[in-house]
Amino acid sequence: MTQQPPRARLRVRIVFDSHGMVGPGKAELLEWIDRTGSIAAAGREMGMSYKRAWMLIETLNAMFRAPLVESTRGGPRGGGATLTEAGREVLRLYRAFEEQAAKAGDAQLEALRGLLSDIPPGK
């Protein structure tokens, strides 16, 4: 039985010089916040500490003219977090760029995949 080479996928990180970067991890964190309404829950879904998730959100909020995430403190009703319009737009633009880059590089990814060794992992 011949084994297929591993699937190739592109992971895009956009670096804005000294202003910071946006990549797959921050995009996923924004998506989880949007789904769960909570920075803590988003971090848990990603196996990330609350402190780390907050730090990433603070970094993102400082990078852009408008904050990407707004949060409310806990209390009798509990806290929460929501993506702002700017947050939704940054996420939309990042995912669109990622998709276009993957499509543009599909032939090269497949060619690279075809050049991989056929030695099974762990050998």
PDB file of N, CA and C in Angstrom:
ATOM      1  N   MET A   1       0.846  -1.175   0.000  1.00  0.00           N
ATOM      2  CA  MET A   1       0.000   0.000   0.000  1.00  0.00           C
ATOM      3  C   MET A   1       0.896   1.245   0.000  1.00  0.00           C
ATOM      4  N   THR A   2       0.740   2.078  -0.997  1.00  0.00           N
ATOM      5  CA  THR A   2       1.556   3.289  -1.052  1.00  0.00           C
ATOM      6  C   THR A   2       0.916   4.377  -0.207  1.00  0.00           C
ATOM      7  N   GLN A   3       1.763   5.104   0.455  1.00  0.00           N
ATOM      8  CA  GLN A   3       1.302   6.151   1.353  1.00  0.00           C
ATOM      9  C   GLN A   3       1.355   7.506   0.636  1.00  0.00           C
ATOM     10  N   GLN A   4       0.290   8.286   0.768  1.00  0.00           N
ATOM     11  CA  GLN A   4       0.245   9.616   0.167  1.00  0.00           C
ATOM     12  C   GLN A   4       1.129  10.569   0.966  1.00  0.00           C
ATOM     13  N   PRO A   5       1.824  11.469   0.285  1.00  0.00           N
ATOM     14  CA  PRO A   5       2.570  12.490   1.022  1.00  0.00           C
ATOM     15  C   PRO A   5       1.607  13.333   1.849  1.00  0.00           C
ATOM     16  N   PRO A   6       2.078  13.932   2.934  1.00  0.00           N
ATOM     17  CA  PRO A   6       1.192  14.742   3.768  1.00  0.00           C
ATOM     18  C   PRO A   6       0.598  15.906   2.969  1.00  0.00           C
ATOM     19  N   ARG A   7      -0.570  16.300   3.378  1.00  0.00           N
ATOM     20  CA  ARG A   7      -1.246  17.427   2.749  1.00  0.00           C
ATOM     21  C   ARG A   7      -0.408  18.686   2.978  1.00  0.00           C
ATOM     22  N   ALA A   8      -0.327  19.523   1.980  1.00  0.00           N
ATOM     23  CA  ALA A   8       0.402  20.789   2.110  1.00  0.00           C
ATOM     24  C   ALA A   8      -0.603  21.910   2.316  1.00  0.00           C
ATOM     25  N   ARG A   9      -0.314  22.806   3.237  1.00  0.00           N
ATOM     26  CA  ARG A   9      -1.180  23.963   3.451  1.00  0.00           C
ATOM     27  C   ARG A   9      -0.317  25.171   3.749  1.00  0.00           C
ATOM     28  N   LEU A  10      -0.852  26.300   3.454  1.00  0.00           N
ATOM     29  CA  LEU A  10      -0.143  27.551   3.634  1.00  0.00           C
ATOM     30  C   LEU A  10      -0.590  28.193   4.945  1.00  0.00           C
ATOM     31  N   ARG A  11       0.358  28.669   5.724  1.00  0.00           N
ATOM     32  CA  ARG A  11       0.056  29.425   6.945  1.00  0.00           C
ATOM     33  C   ARG A  11       0.659  30.814   6.750  1.00  0.00           C
ATOM     34  N   VAL A  12      -0.204  31.803   6.696  1.00  0.00           N
ATOM     35  CA  VAL A  12       0.209  33.156   6.359  1.00  0.00           C
ATOM     36  C   VAL A  12       0.365  34.002   7.616  1.00  0.00           C
ATOM     37  N   ARG A  13       1.482  34.684   7.701  1.00  0.00           N
ATOM     38  CA  ARG A  13       1.710  35.666   8.767  1.00  0.00           C
ATOM     39  C   ARG A  13       2.034  36.980   8.076  1.00  0.00           C
ATOM     40  N   ILE A  14       1.249  38.003   8.379  1.00  0.00           N
ATOM     41  CA  ILE A  14       1.453  39.327   7.799  1.00  0.00           C
ATOM     42  C   ILE A  14       2.152  40.185   8.849  1.00  0.00           C
ATOM     43  N   VAL A  15       3.351  40.643   8.515  1.00  0.00           N
ATOM     44  CA  VAL A  15       4.170  41.418   9.449  1.00  0.00           C
ATOM     45  C   VAL A  15       4.137  42.881   9.025  1.00  0.00           C
ATOM     46  N   PHE A  16       3.767  43.746   9.962  1.00  0.00           N
ATOM     47  CA  PHE A  16       3.698  45.184   9.720  1.00  0.00           C
ATOM     48  C   PHE A  16       4.886  45.872  10.383  1.00  0.00           C
ATOM     49  N   ASP A  17       6.089  45.499   9.990  1.00  0.00           N
ATOM     50  CA  ASP A  17       7.317  46.047  10.576  1.00  0.00           C
ATOM     51  C   ASP A  17       7.192  46.131  12.094  1.00  0.00           C
ATOM     52  N   SER A  18       7.406  47.312  12.657  1.00  0.00           N
ATOM     53  CA  SER A  18       7.388  47.455  14.118  1.00  0.00           C
ATOM     54  C   SER A  18       5.972  47.541  14.689  1.00  0.00           C
ATOM     55  N   HIS A  19       4.956  47.523  13.831  1.00  0.00           N
ATOM     56  CA  HIS A  19       3.576  47.630  14.307  1.00  0.00           C
ATOM     57  C   HIS A  19       3.000  46.295  14.774  1.00  0.00           C
ATOM     58  N   GLY A  20       3.659  45.200  14.481  1.00  0.00           N
ATOM     59  CA  GLY A  20       3.163  43.895  14.906  1.00  0.00           C
ATOM     60  C   GLY A  20       2.833  43.002  13.736  1.00  0.00           C
ATOM     61  N   MET A  21       2.128  41.920  14.036  1.00  0.00           N
ATOM     62  CA  MET A  21       1.788  40.953  12.998  1.00  0.00           C
ATOM     63  C   MET A  21       0.434  40.323  13.263  1.00  0.00           C
ATOM     64  N   VAL A  22      -0.136  39.817  12.190  1.00  0.00           N
ATOM     65  CA  VAL A  22      -1.377  39.052  12.256  1.00  0.00           C
ATOM     66  C   VAL A  22      -1.098  37.731  11.558  1.00  0.00           C
ATOM     67  N   GLY A  23      -1.453  36.655  12.237  1.00  0.00           N
ATOM     68  CA  GLY A  23      -1.233  35.334  11.670  1.00  0.00           C
ATOM     69  C   GLY A  23      -2.361  34.395  12.027  1.00  0.00           C
ATOM     70  N   PRO A  24      -2.155  33.120  11.763  1.00  0.00           N
ATOM     71  CA  PRO A  24      -3.233  32.146  11.968  1.00  0.00           C
ATOM     72  C   PRO A  24      -3.707  32.037  13.413  1.00  0.00           C
ATOM     73  N   GLY A  25      -2.790  32.172  14.368  1.00  0.00           N
ATOM     74  CA  GLY A  25      -3.188  32.057  15.773  1.00  0.00           C
ATOM     75  C   GLY A  25      -4.074  33.200  16.223  1.00  0.00           C
ATOM     76  N   LYS A  26      -3.708  34.415  15.874  1.00  0.00           N
ATOM     77  CA  LYS A  26      -4.522  35.576  16.251  1.00  0.00           C
ATOM     78  C   LYS A  26      -5.864  35.548  15.529  1.00  0.00           C
ATOM     79  N   ALA A  27      -5.862  35.128  14.267  1.00  0.00           N
ATOM     80  CA  ALA A  27      -7.120  35.027  13.525  1.00  0.00           C
ATOM     81  C   ALA A  27      -8.035  33.991  14.176  1.00  0.00           C
ATOM     82  N   GLU A  28      -7.476  32.864  14.545  1.00  0.00           N
ATOM     83  CA  GLU A  28      -8.282  31.826  15.199  1.00  0.00           C
ATOM     84  C   GLU A  28      -8.824  32.318  16.537  1.00  0.00           C
ATOM     85  N   LEU A  29      -8.002  33.047  17.287  1.00  0.00           N
ATOM     86  CA  LEU A  29      -8.459  33.602  18.561  1.00  0.00           C
ATOM     87  C   LEU A  29      -9.640  34.541  18.341  1.00  0.00           C
ATOM     88  N   LEU A  30      -9.568  35.395  17.343  1.00  0.00           N
ATOM     89  CA  LEU A  30     -10.690  36.285  17.032  1.00  0.00           C
ATOM     90  C   LEU A  30     -11.943  35.483  16.677  1.00  0.00           C
ATOM     91  N   GLU A  31     -11.771  34.426  15.902  1.00  0.00           N
ATOM     92  CA  GLU A  31     -12.927  33.583  15.536  1.00  0.00           C
ATOM     93  C   GLU A  31     -13.551  32.938  16.763  1.00  0.00           C
ATOM     94  N   TRP A  32     -12.724  32.431  17.670  1.00  0.00           N
ATOM     95  CA  TRP A  32     -13.254  31.804  18.882  1.00  0.00           C
ATOM     96  C   TRP A  32     -13.943  32.821  19.787  1.00  0.00           C
ATOM     97  N   ILE A  33     -13.413  34.023  19.873  1.00  0.00           N
ATOM     98  CA  ILE A  33     -14.081  35.066  20.664  1.00  0.00           C
ATOM     99  C   ILE A  33     -15.441  35.363  20.060  1.00  0.00           C
ATOM    100  N   ASP A  34     -15.496  35.433  18.742  1.00  0.00           N
ATOM    101  CA  ASP A  34     -16.759  35.685  18.058  1.00  0.00           C
ATOM    102  C   ASP A  34     -17.763  34.571  18.335  1.00  0.00           C
ATOM    103  N   ARG A  35     -17.300  33.337  18.361  1.00  0.00           N
ATOM    104  CA  ARG A  35     -18.196  32.184  18.602  1.00  0.00           C
ATOM    105  C   ARG A  35     -18.651  32.091  20.048  1.00  0.00           C
ATOM    106  N   THR A  36     -17.709  32.324  20.972  1.00  0.00           N
ATOM    107  CA  THR A  36     -17.998  32.069  22.386  1.00  0.00           C
ATOM    108  C   THR A  36     -18.427  33.301  23.165  1.00  0.00           C
ATOM    109  N   GLY A  37     -18.094  34.487  22.675  1.00  0.00           N
ATOM    110  CA  GLY A  37     -18.403  35.704  23.415  1.00  0.00           C
ATOM    111  C   GLY A  37     -17.538  35.886  24.640  1.00  0.00           C
ATOM    112  N   SER A  38     -16.373  35.224  24.656  1.00  0.00           N
ATOM    113  CA  SER A  38     -15.525  35.252  25.845  1.00  0.00           C
ATOM    114  C   SER A  38     -14.066  35.040  25.464  1.00  0.00           C
ATOM    115  N   ILE A  39     -13.199  35.868  26.033  1.00  0.00           N
ATOM    116  CA  ILE A  39     -11.765  35.685  25.810  1.00  0.00           C
ATOM    117  C   ILE A  39     -11.287  34.431  26.528  1.00  0.00           C
ATOM    118  N   ALA A  40     -11.782  34.213  27.745  1.00  0.00           N
ATOM    119  CA  ALA A  40     -11.383  33.029  28.515  1.00  0.00           C
ATOM    120  C   ALA A  40     -11.795  31.743  27.797  1.00  0.00           C
ATOM    121  N   ALA A  41     -13.029  31.692  27.322  1.00  0.00           N
ATOM    122  CA  ALA A  41     -13.512  30.491  26.632  1.00  0.00           C
ATOM    123  C   ALA A  41     -12.754  30.282  25.321  1.00  0.00           C
ATOM    124  N   ALA A  42     -12.467  31.371  24.613  1.00  0.00           N
ATOM    125  CA  ALA A  42     -11.704  31.259  23.368  1.00  0.00           C
ATOM    126  C   ALA A  42     -10.324  30.680  23.651  1.00  0.00           C
ATOM    127  N   GLY A  43      -9.675  31.183  24.683  1.00  0.00           N
ATOM    128  CA  GLY A  43      -8.360  30.664  25.066  1.00  0.00           C
ATOM    129  C   GLY A  43      -8.425  29.185  25.414  1.00  0.00           C
ATOM    130  N   ARG A  44      -9.437  28.795  26.184  1.00  0.00           N
ATOM    131  CA  ARG A  44      -9.591  27.368  26.552  1.00  0.00           C
ATOM    132  C   ARG A  44      -9.747  26.500  25.321  1.00  0.00           C
ATOM    133  N   GLU A  45     -10.552  26.954  24.357  1.00  0.00           N
ATOM    134  CA  GLU A  45     -10.760  26.186  23.124  1.00  0.00           C
ATOM    135  C   GLU A  45      -9.453  25.973  22.364  1.00  0.00           C
ATOM    136  N   MET A  46      -8.540  26.925  22.518  1.00  0.00           N
ATOM    137  CA  MET A  46      -7.268  26.854  21.802  1.00  0.00           C
ATOM    138  C   MET A  46      -6.151  26.259  22.653  1.00  0.00           C
ATOM    139  N   GLY A  47      -6.457  25.878  23.898  1.00  0.00           N
ATOM    140  CA  GLY A  47      -5.421  25.351  24.787  1.00  0.00           C
ATOM    141  C   GLY A  47      -4.457  26.438  25.235  1.00  0.00           C
ATOM    142  N   MET A  48      -4.965  27.642  25.378  1.00  0.00           N
ATOM    143  CA  MET A  48      -4.149  28.810  25.695  1.00  0.00           C
ATOM    144  C   MET A  48      -4.615  29.382  27.037  1.00  0.00           C
ATOM    145  N   SER A  49      -3.689  29.887  27.801  1.00  0.00           N
ATOM    146  CA  SER A  49      -4.058  30.498  29.079  1.00  0.00           C
ATOM    147  C   SER A  49      -4.842  31.780  28.845  1.00  0.00           C
ATOM    148  N   TYR A  50      -5.638  32.150  29.830  1.00  0.00           N
ATOM    149  CA  TYR A  50      -6.402  33.383  29.779  1.00  0.00           C
ATOM    150  C   TYR A  50      -5.456  34.570  29.645  1.00  0.00           C
ATOM    151  N   LYS A  51      -4.364  34.532  30.390  1.00  0.00           N
ATOM    152  CA  LYS A  51      -3.392  35.622  30.349  1.00  0.00           C
ATOM    153  C   LYS A  51      -2.816  35.785  28.943  1.00  0.00           C
ATOM    154  N   ARG A  52      -2.461  34.684  28.300  1.00  0.00           N
ATOM    155  CA  ARG A  52      -1.899  34.725  26.938  1.00  0.00           C
ATOM    156  C   ARG A  52      -2.934  35.262  25.948  1.00  0.00           C
ATOM    157  N   ALA A  53      -4.180  34.785  26.064  1.00  0.00           N
ATOM    158  CA  ALA A  53      -5.241  35.258  25.168  1.00  0.00           C
ATOM    159  C   ALA A  53      -5.443  36.763  25.342  1.00  0.00           C
ATOM    160  N   TRP A  54      -5.475  37.240  26.577  1.00  0.00           N
ATOM    161  CA  TRP A  54      -5.633  38.666  26.838  1.00  0.00           C
ATOM    162  C   TRP A  54      -4.472  39.462  26.266  1.00  0.00           C
ATOM    163  N   MET A  55      -3.275  38.948  26.425  1.00  0.00           N
ATOM    164  CA  MET A  55      -2.094  39.632  25.908  1.00  0.00           C
ATOM    165  C   MET A  55      -2.178  39.776  24.384  1.00  0.00           C
ATOM    166  N   LEU A  56      -2.609  38.733  23.702  1.00  0.00           N
ATOM    167  CA  LEU A  56      -2.744  38.793  22.249  1.00  0.00           C
ATOM    168  C   LEU A  56      -3.820  39.797  21.830  1.00  0.00           C
ATOM    169  N   ILE A  57      -4.915  39.842  22.562  1.00  0.00           N
ATOM    170  CA  ILE A  57      -5.983  40.795  22.252  1.00  0.00           C
ATOM    171  C   ILE A  57      -5.504  42.221  22.503  1.00  0.00           C
ATOM    172  N   GLU A  58      -4.795  42.436  23.586  1.00  0.00           N
ATOM    173  CA  GLU A  58      -4.247  43.771  23.845  1.00  0.00           C
ATOM    174  C   GLU A  58      -3.297  44.196  22.725  1.00  0.00           C
ATOM    175  N   THR A  59      -2.487  43.258  22.260  1.00  0.00           N
ATOM    176  CA  THR A  59      -1.572  43.542  21.143  1.00  0.00           C
ATOM    177  C   THR A  59      -2.350  43.918  19.890  1.00  0.00           C
ATOM    178  N   LEU A  60      -3.372  43.129  19.557  1.00  0.00           N
ATOM    179  CA  LEU A  60      -4.186  43.419  18.374  1.00  0.00           C
ATOM    180  C   LEU A  60      -4.902  44.760  18.512  1.00  0.00           C
ATOM    181  N   ASN A  61      -5.470  45.014  19.674  1.00  0.00           N
ATOM    182  CA  ASN A  61      -6.192  46.271  19.870  1.00  0.00           C
ATOM    183  C   ASN A  61      -5.270  47.475  19.736  1.00  0.00           C
ATOM    184  N   ALA A  62      -4.024  47.320  20.140  1.00  0.00           N
ATOM    185  CA  ALA A  62      -3.061  48.423  20.052  1.00  0.00           C
ATOM    186  C   ALA A  62      -2.532  48.609  18.622  1.00  0.00           C
ATOM    187  N   MET A  63      -2.556  47.561  17.823  1.00  0.00           N
ATOM    188  CA  MET A  63      -2.015  47.621  16.460  1.00  0.00           C
ATOM    189  C   MET A  63      -2.851  48.470  15.525  1.00  0.00           C
ATOM    190  N   PHE A  64      -4.158  48.431  15.693  1.00  0.00           N
ATOM    191  CA  PHE A  64      -5.065  49.043  14.732  1.00  0.00           C
ATOM    192  C   PHE A  64      -5.669  50.329  15.296  1.00  0.00           C
ATOM    193  N   ARG A  65      -6.160  51.175  14.404  1.00  0.00           N
ATOM    194  CA  ARG A  65      -6.742  52.463  14.810  1.00  0.00           C
ATOM    195  C   ARG A  65      -7.900  52.282  15.777  1.00  0.00           C
ATOM    196  N   ALA A  66      -8.709  51.280  15.524  1.00  0.00           N
ATOM    197  CA  ALA A  66      -9.861  50.988  16.383  1.00  0.00           C
ATOM    198  C   ALA A  66      -9.656  49.611  17.008  1.00  0.00           C
ATOM    199  N   PRO A  67     -10.144  49.410  18.221  1.00  0.00           N
ATOM    200  CA  PRO A  67      -9.987  48.089  18.845  1.00  0.00           C
ATOM    201  C   PRO A  67     -10.711  47.004  18.051  1.00  0.00           C
ATOM    202  N   LEU A  68     -10.157  45.808  18.088  1.00  0.00           N
ATOM    203  CA  LEU A  68     -10.771  44.676  17.384  1.00  0.00           C
ATOM    204  C   LEU A  68     -11.719  43.909  18.292  1.00  0.00           C
ATOM    205  N   VAL A  69     -11.471  43.983  19.598  1.00  0.00           N
ATOM    206  CA  VAL A  69     -12.283  43.267  20.584  1.00  0.00           C
ATOM    207  C   VAL A  69     -12.656  44.238  21.693  1.00  0.00           C
ATOM    208  N   GLU A  70     -13.920  44.214  22.068  1.00  0.00           N
ATOM    209  CA  GLU A  70     -14.382  44.964  23.239  1.00  0.00           C
ATOM    210  C   GLU A  70     -14.787  43.957  24.293  1.00  0.00           C
ATOM    211  N   SER A  71     -14.438  44.258  25.540  1.00  0.00           N
ATOM    212  CA  SER A  71     -14.761  43.318  26.612  1.00  0.00           C
ATOM    213  C   SER A  71     -15.440  44.054  27.760  1.00  0.00           C
ATOM    214  N   THR A  72     -16.218  43.298  28.509  1.00  0.00           N
ATOM    215  CA  THR A  72     -16.834  43.806  29.726  1.00  0.00           C
ATOM    216  C   THR A  72     -16.385  42.915  30.869  1.00  0.00           C
ATOM    217  N   ARG A  73     -16.167  43.541  32.005  1.00  0.00           N
ATOM    218  CA  ARG A  73     -15.709  42.786  33.178  1.00  0.00           C
ATOM    219  C   ARG A  73     -16.823  41.884  33.697  1.00  0.00           C
ATOM    220  N   GLY A  74     -16.386  40.889  34.460  1.00  0.00           N
ATOM    221  CA  GLY A  74     -17.334  39.988  35.096  1.00  0.00           C
ATOM    222  C   GLY A  74     -18.167  40.722  36.129  1.00  0.00           C
ATOM    223  N   GLY A  75     -19.052  40.044  36.744  1.00  0.00           N
ATOM    224  CA  GLY A  75     -19.949  40.632  37.735  1.00  0.00           C
ATOM    225  C   GLY A  75     -21.136  39.718  37.881  1.00  0.00           C
ATOM    226  N   PRO A  76     -22.239  40.252  38.380  1.00  0.00           N
ATOM    227  CA  PRO A  76     -23.419  39.405  38.571  1.00  0.00           C
ATOM    228  C   PRO A  76     -23.867  38.708  37.292  1.00  0.00           C
ATOM    229  N   ARG A  77     -23.751  39.392  36.153  1.00  0.00           N
ATOM    230  CA  ARG A  77     -24.141  38.793  34.869  1.00  0.00           C
ATOM    231  C   ARG A  77     -22.965  38.147  34.148  1.00  0.00           C
ATOM    232  N   GLY A  78     -21.781  38.283  34.689  1.00  0.00           N
ATOM    233  CA  GLY A  78     -20.591  37.750  34.021  1.00  0.00           C
ATOM    234  C   GLY A  78     -20.084  38.718  32.978  1.00  0.00           C
ATOM    235  N   GLY A  79     -18.868  38.517  32.560  1.00  0.00           N
ATOM    236  CA  GLY A  79     -18.263  39.394  31.552  1.00  0.00           C
ATOM    237  C   GLY A  79     -18.482  38.832  30.165  1.00  0.00           C
ATOM    238  N   GLY A  80     -17.830  39.428  29.235  1.00  0.00           N
ATOM    239  CA  GLY A  80     -17.948  38.943  27.873  1.00  0.00           C
ATOM    240  C   GLY A  80     -17.038  39.719  26.958  1.00  0.00           C
ATOM    241  N   ALA A  81     -16.981  39.282  25.735  1.00  0.00           N
ATOM    242  CA  ALA A  81     -16.163  39.944  24.729  1.00  0.00           C
ATOM    243  C   ALA A  81     -16.843  39.800  23.376  1.00  0.00           C
ATOM    244  N   THR A  82     -16.721  40.832  22.571  1.00  0.00           N
ATOM    245  CA  THR A  82     -17.286  40.805  21.228  1.00  0.00           C
ATOM    246  C   THR A  82     -16.295  41.411  20.245  1.00  0.00           C
ATOM    247  N   LEU A  83     -16.370  40.942  19.011  1.00  0.00           N
ATOM    248  CA  LEU A  83     -15.577  41.564  17.959  1.00  0.00           C
ATOM    249  C   LEU A  83     -16.268  42.863  17.563  1.00  0.00           C
ATOM    250  N   THR A  84     -15.475  43.878  17.354  1.00  0.00           N
ATOM    251  CA  THR A  84     -15.996  45.135  16.848  1.00  0.00           C
ATOM    252  C   THR A  84     -16.113  45.026  15.330  1.00  0.00           C
ATOM    253  N   GLU A  85     -16.671  46.051  14.710  1.00  0.00           N
ATOM    254  CA  GLU A  85     -16.708  46.074  13.244  1.00  0.00           C
ATOM    255  C   GLU A  85     -15.286  46.020  12.691  1.00  0.00           C
ATOM    256  N   ALA A  86     -14.367  46.728  13.337  1.00  0.00           N
ATOM    257  CA  ALA A  86     -12.964  46.686  12.900  1.00  0.00           C
ATOM    258  C   ALA A  86     -12.412  45.270  13.036  1.00  0.00           C
ATOM    259  N   GLY A  87     -12.768  44.589  14.113  1.00  0.00           N
ATOM    260  CA  GLY A  87     -12.315  43.213  14.316  1.00  0.00           C
ATOM    261  C   GLY A  87     -12.831  42.282  13.239  1.00  0.00           C
ATOM    262  N   ARG A  88     -14.087  42.434  12.896  1.00  0.00           N
ATOM    263  CA  ARG A  88     -14.675  41.601  11.834  1.00  0.00           C
ATOM    264  C   ARG A  88     -14.011  41.891  10.489  1.00  0.00           C
ATOM    265  N   GLU A  89     -13.711  43.171  10.235  1.00  0.00           N
ATOM    266  CA  GLU A  89     -13.093  43.547   8.965  1.00  0.00           C
ATOM    267  C   GLU A  89     -11.658  43.029   8.875  1.00  0.00           C
ATOM    268  N   VAL A  90     -10.890  43.147   9.946  1.00  0.00           N
ATOM    269  CA  VAL A  90      -9.516  42.634   9.944  1.00  0.00           C
ATOM    270  C   VAL A  90      -9.537  41.120   9.728  1.00  0.00           C
ATOM    271  N   LEU A  91     -10.416  40.426  10.420  1.00  0.00           N
ATOM    272  CA  LEU A  91     -10.518  38.976  10.267  1.00  0.00           C
ATOM    273  C   LEU A  91     -10.938  38.608   8.849  1.00  0.00           C
ATOM    274  N   ARG A  92     -11.912  39.313   8.305  1.00  0.00           N
ATOM    275  CA  ARG A  92     -12.368  39.040   6.943  1.00  0.00           C
ATOM    276  C   ARG A  92     -11.236  39.259   5.931  1.00  0.00           C
ATOM    277  N   LEU A  93     -10.530  40.360   6.060  1.00  0.00           N
ATOM    278  CA  LEU A  93      -9.436  40.656   5.138  1.00  0.00           C
ATOM    279  C   LEU A  93      -8.307  39.640   5.255  1.00  0.00           C
ATOM    280  N   TYR A  94      -7.976  39.256   6.481  1.00  0.00           N
ATOM    281  CA  TYR A  94      -6.909  38.269   6.682  1.00  0.00           C
ATOM    282  C   TYR A  94      -7.295  36.938   6.037  1.00  0.00           C
ATOM    283  N   ARG A  95      -8.506  36.455   6.311  1.00  0.00           N
ATOM    284  CA  ARG A  95      -8.938  35.166   5.753  1.00  0.00           C
ATOM    285  C   ARG A  95      -9.017  35.222   4.224  1.00  0.00           C
ATOM    286  N   ALA A  96      -9.455  36.335   3.667  1.00  0.00           N
ATOM    287  CA  ALA A  96      -9.511  36.469   2.212  1.00  0.00           C
ATOM    288  C   ALA A  96      -8.108  36.446   1.620  1.00  0.00           C
ATOM    289  N   PHE A  97      -7.172  37.141   2.252  1.00  0.00           N
ATOM    290  CA  PHE A  97      -5.787  37.143   1.784  1.00  0.00           C
ATOM    291  C   PHE A  97      -5.216  35.728   1.851  1.00  0.00           C
ATOM    292  N   GLU A  98      -5.470  35.046   2.962  1.00  0.00           N
ATOM    293  CA  GLU A  98      -4.985  33.682   3.154  1.00  0.00           C
ATOM    294  C   GLU A  98      -5.522  32.751   2.058  1.00  0.00           C
ATOM    295  N   GLU A  99      -6.792  32.878   1.748  1.00  0.00           N
ATOM    296  CA  GLU A  99      -7.409  32.036   0.717  1.00  0.00           C
ATOM    297  C   GLU A  99      -6.827  32.339  -0.666  1.00  0.00           C
ATOM    298  N   GLN A 100      -6.670  33.611  -0.991  1.00  0.00           N
ATOM    299  CA  GLN A 100      -6.108  33.988  -2.285  1.00  0.00           C
ATOM    300  C   GLN A 100      -4.655  33.530  -2.421  1.00  0.00           C
ATOM    301  N   ALA A 101      -3.898  33.664  -1.343  1.00  0.00           N
ATOM    302  CA  ALA A 101      -2.494  33.232  -1.383  1.00  0.00           C
ATOM    303  C   ALA A 101      -2.409  31.722  -1.586  1.00  0.00           C
ATOM    304  N   ALA A 102      -3.276  30.973  -0.924  1.00  0.00           N
ATOM    305  CA  ALA A 102      -3.270  29.517  -1.080  1.00  0.00           C
ATOM    306  C   ALA A 102      -3.619  29.117  -2.509  1.00  0.00           C
ATOM    307  N   LYS A 103      -4.615  29.775  -3.082  1.00  0.00           N
ATOM    308  CA  LYS A 103      -4.991  29.466  -4.463  1.00  0.00           C
ATOM    309  C   LYS A 103      -3.862  29.801  -5.424  1.00  0.00           C
ATOM    310  N   ALA A 104      -3.229  30.950  -5.217  1.00  0.00           N
ATOM    311  CA  ALA A 104      -2.152  31.390  -6.107  1.00  0.00           C
ATOM    312  C   ALA A 104      -0.949  30.453  -6.031  1.00  0.00           C
ATOM    313  N   GLY A 105      -0.706  29.881  -4.875  1.00  0.00           N
ATOM    314  CA  GLY A 105       0.465  29.029  -4.701  1.00  0.00           C
ATOM    315  C   GLY A 105       0.174  27.543  -4.753  1.00  0.00           C
ATOM    316  N   ASP A 106      -1.035  27.165  -5.152  1.00  0.00           N
ATOM    317  CA  ASP A 106      -1.433  25.759  -5.129  1.00  0.00           C
ATOM    318  C   ASP A 106      -0.502  24.862  -5.939  1.00  0.00           C
ATOM    319  N   ALA A 107      -0.138  25.277  -7.135  1.00  0.00           N
ATOM    320  CA  ALA A 107       0.725  24.443  -7.984  1.00  0.00           C
ATOM    321  C   ALA A 107       2.092  24.240  -7.343  1.00  0.00           C
ATOM    322  N   GLN A 108       2.635  25.298  -6.753  1.00  0.00           N
ATOM    323  CA  GLN A 108       3.947  25.182  -6.104  1.00  0.00           C
ATOM    324  C   GLN A 108       3.867  24.317  -4.844  1.00  0.00           C
ATOM    325  N   LEU A 109       2.771  24.455  -4.078  1.00  0.00           N
ATOM    326  CA  LEU A 109       2.605  23.599  -2.894  1.00  0.00           C
ATOM    327  C   LEU A 109       2.533  22.127  -3.294  1.00  0.00           C
ATOM    328  N   GLU A 110       1.793  21.832  -4.337  1.00  0.00           N
ATOM    329  CA  GLU A 110       1.676  20.450  -4.804  1.00  0.00           C
ATOM    330  C   GLU A 110       3.022  19.935  -5.307  1.00  0.00           C
ATOM    331  N   ALA A 111       3.772  20.772  -6.014  1.00  0.00           N
ATOM    332  CA  ALA A 111       5.092  20.359  -6.498  1.00  0.00           C
ATOM    333  C   ALA A 111       6.027  20.080  -5.322  1.00  0.00           C
ATOM    334  N   LEU A 112       5.998  20.929  -4.304  1.00  0.00           N
ATOM    335  CA  LEU A 112       6.823  20.699  -3.113  1.00  0.00           C
ATOM    336  C   LEU A 112       6.399  19.422  -2.402  1.00  0.00           C
ATOM    337  N   ARG A 113       5.095  19.232  -2.302  1.00  0.00           N
ATOM    338  CA  ARG A 113       4.570  18.020  -1.656  1.00  0.00           C
ATOM    339  C   ARG A 113       5.049  16.773  -2.382  1.00  0.00           C
ATOM    340  N   GLY A 114       5.081  16.838  -3.702  1.00  0.00           N
ATOM    341  CA  GLY A 114       5.520  15.703  -4.501  1.00  0.00           C
ATOM    342  C   GLY A 114       7.003  15.387  -4.324  1.00  0.00           C
ATOM    343  N   LEU A 115       7.782  16.336  -3.861  1.00  0.00           N
ATOM    344  CA  LEU A 115       9.215  16.133  -3.661  1.00  0.00           C
ATOM    345  C   LEU A 115       9.566  15.598  -2.271  1.00  0.00           C
ATOM    346  N   LEU A 116       8.558  15.481  -1.405  1.00  0.00           N
ATOM    347  CA  LEU A 116       8.821  14.993  -0.048  1.00  0.00           C
ATOM    348  C   LEU A 116       9.288  13.552  -0.061  1.00  0.00           C
ATOM    349  N   SER A 117      10.063  13.212   0.916  1.00  0.00           N
ATOM    350  CA  SER A 117      10.523  11.849   1.086  1.00  0.00           C
ATOM    351  C   SER A 117       9.342  10.935   1.354  1.00  0.00           C
ATOM    352  N   ASP A 118       9.412   9.682   0.913  1.00  0.00           N
ATOM    353  CA  ASP A 118       8.327   8.754   1.195  1.00  0.00           C
ATOM    354  C   ASP A 118       8.632   7.890   2.393  1.00  0.00           C
ATOM    355  N   ILE A 119       9.550   8.332   3.250  1.00  0.00           N
ATOM    356  CA  ILE A 119       9.844   7.629   4.493  1.00  0.00           C
ATOM    357  C   ILE A 119       8.730   7.958   5.479  1.00  0.00           C
ATOM    358  N   PRO A 120       8.071   6.958   6.049  1.00  0.00           N
ATOM    359  CA  PRO A 120       6.979   7.220   6.984  1.00  0.00           C
ATOM    360  C   PRO A 120       7.484   8.004   8.197  1.00  0.00           C
ATOM    361  N   PRO A 121       6.642   8.881   8.751  1.00  0.00           N
ATOM    362  CA  PRO A 121       7.025   9.646   9.935  1.00  0.00           C
ATOM    363  C   PRO A 121       7.474   8.717  11.070  1.00  0.00           C
ATOM    364  N   GLY A 122       8.429   9.137  11.842  1.00  0.00           N
ATOM    365  CA  GLY A 122       8.898   8.359  12.987  1.00  0.00           C
ATOM    366  C   GLY A 122       9.925   7.304  12.654  1.00  0.00           C
ATOM    367  N   LYS A 123      10.345   7.196  11.413  1.00  0.00           N
ATOM    368  CA  LYS A 123      11.319   6.159  11.028  1.00  0.00           C
ATOM    369  C   LYS A 123      12.681   6.757  10.915  1.00  0.00           C
TER     370      LYS A 123
END
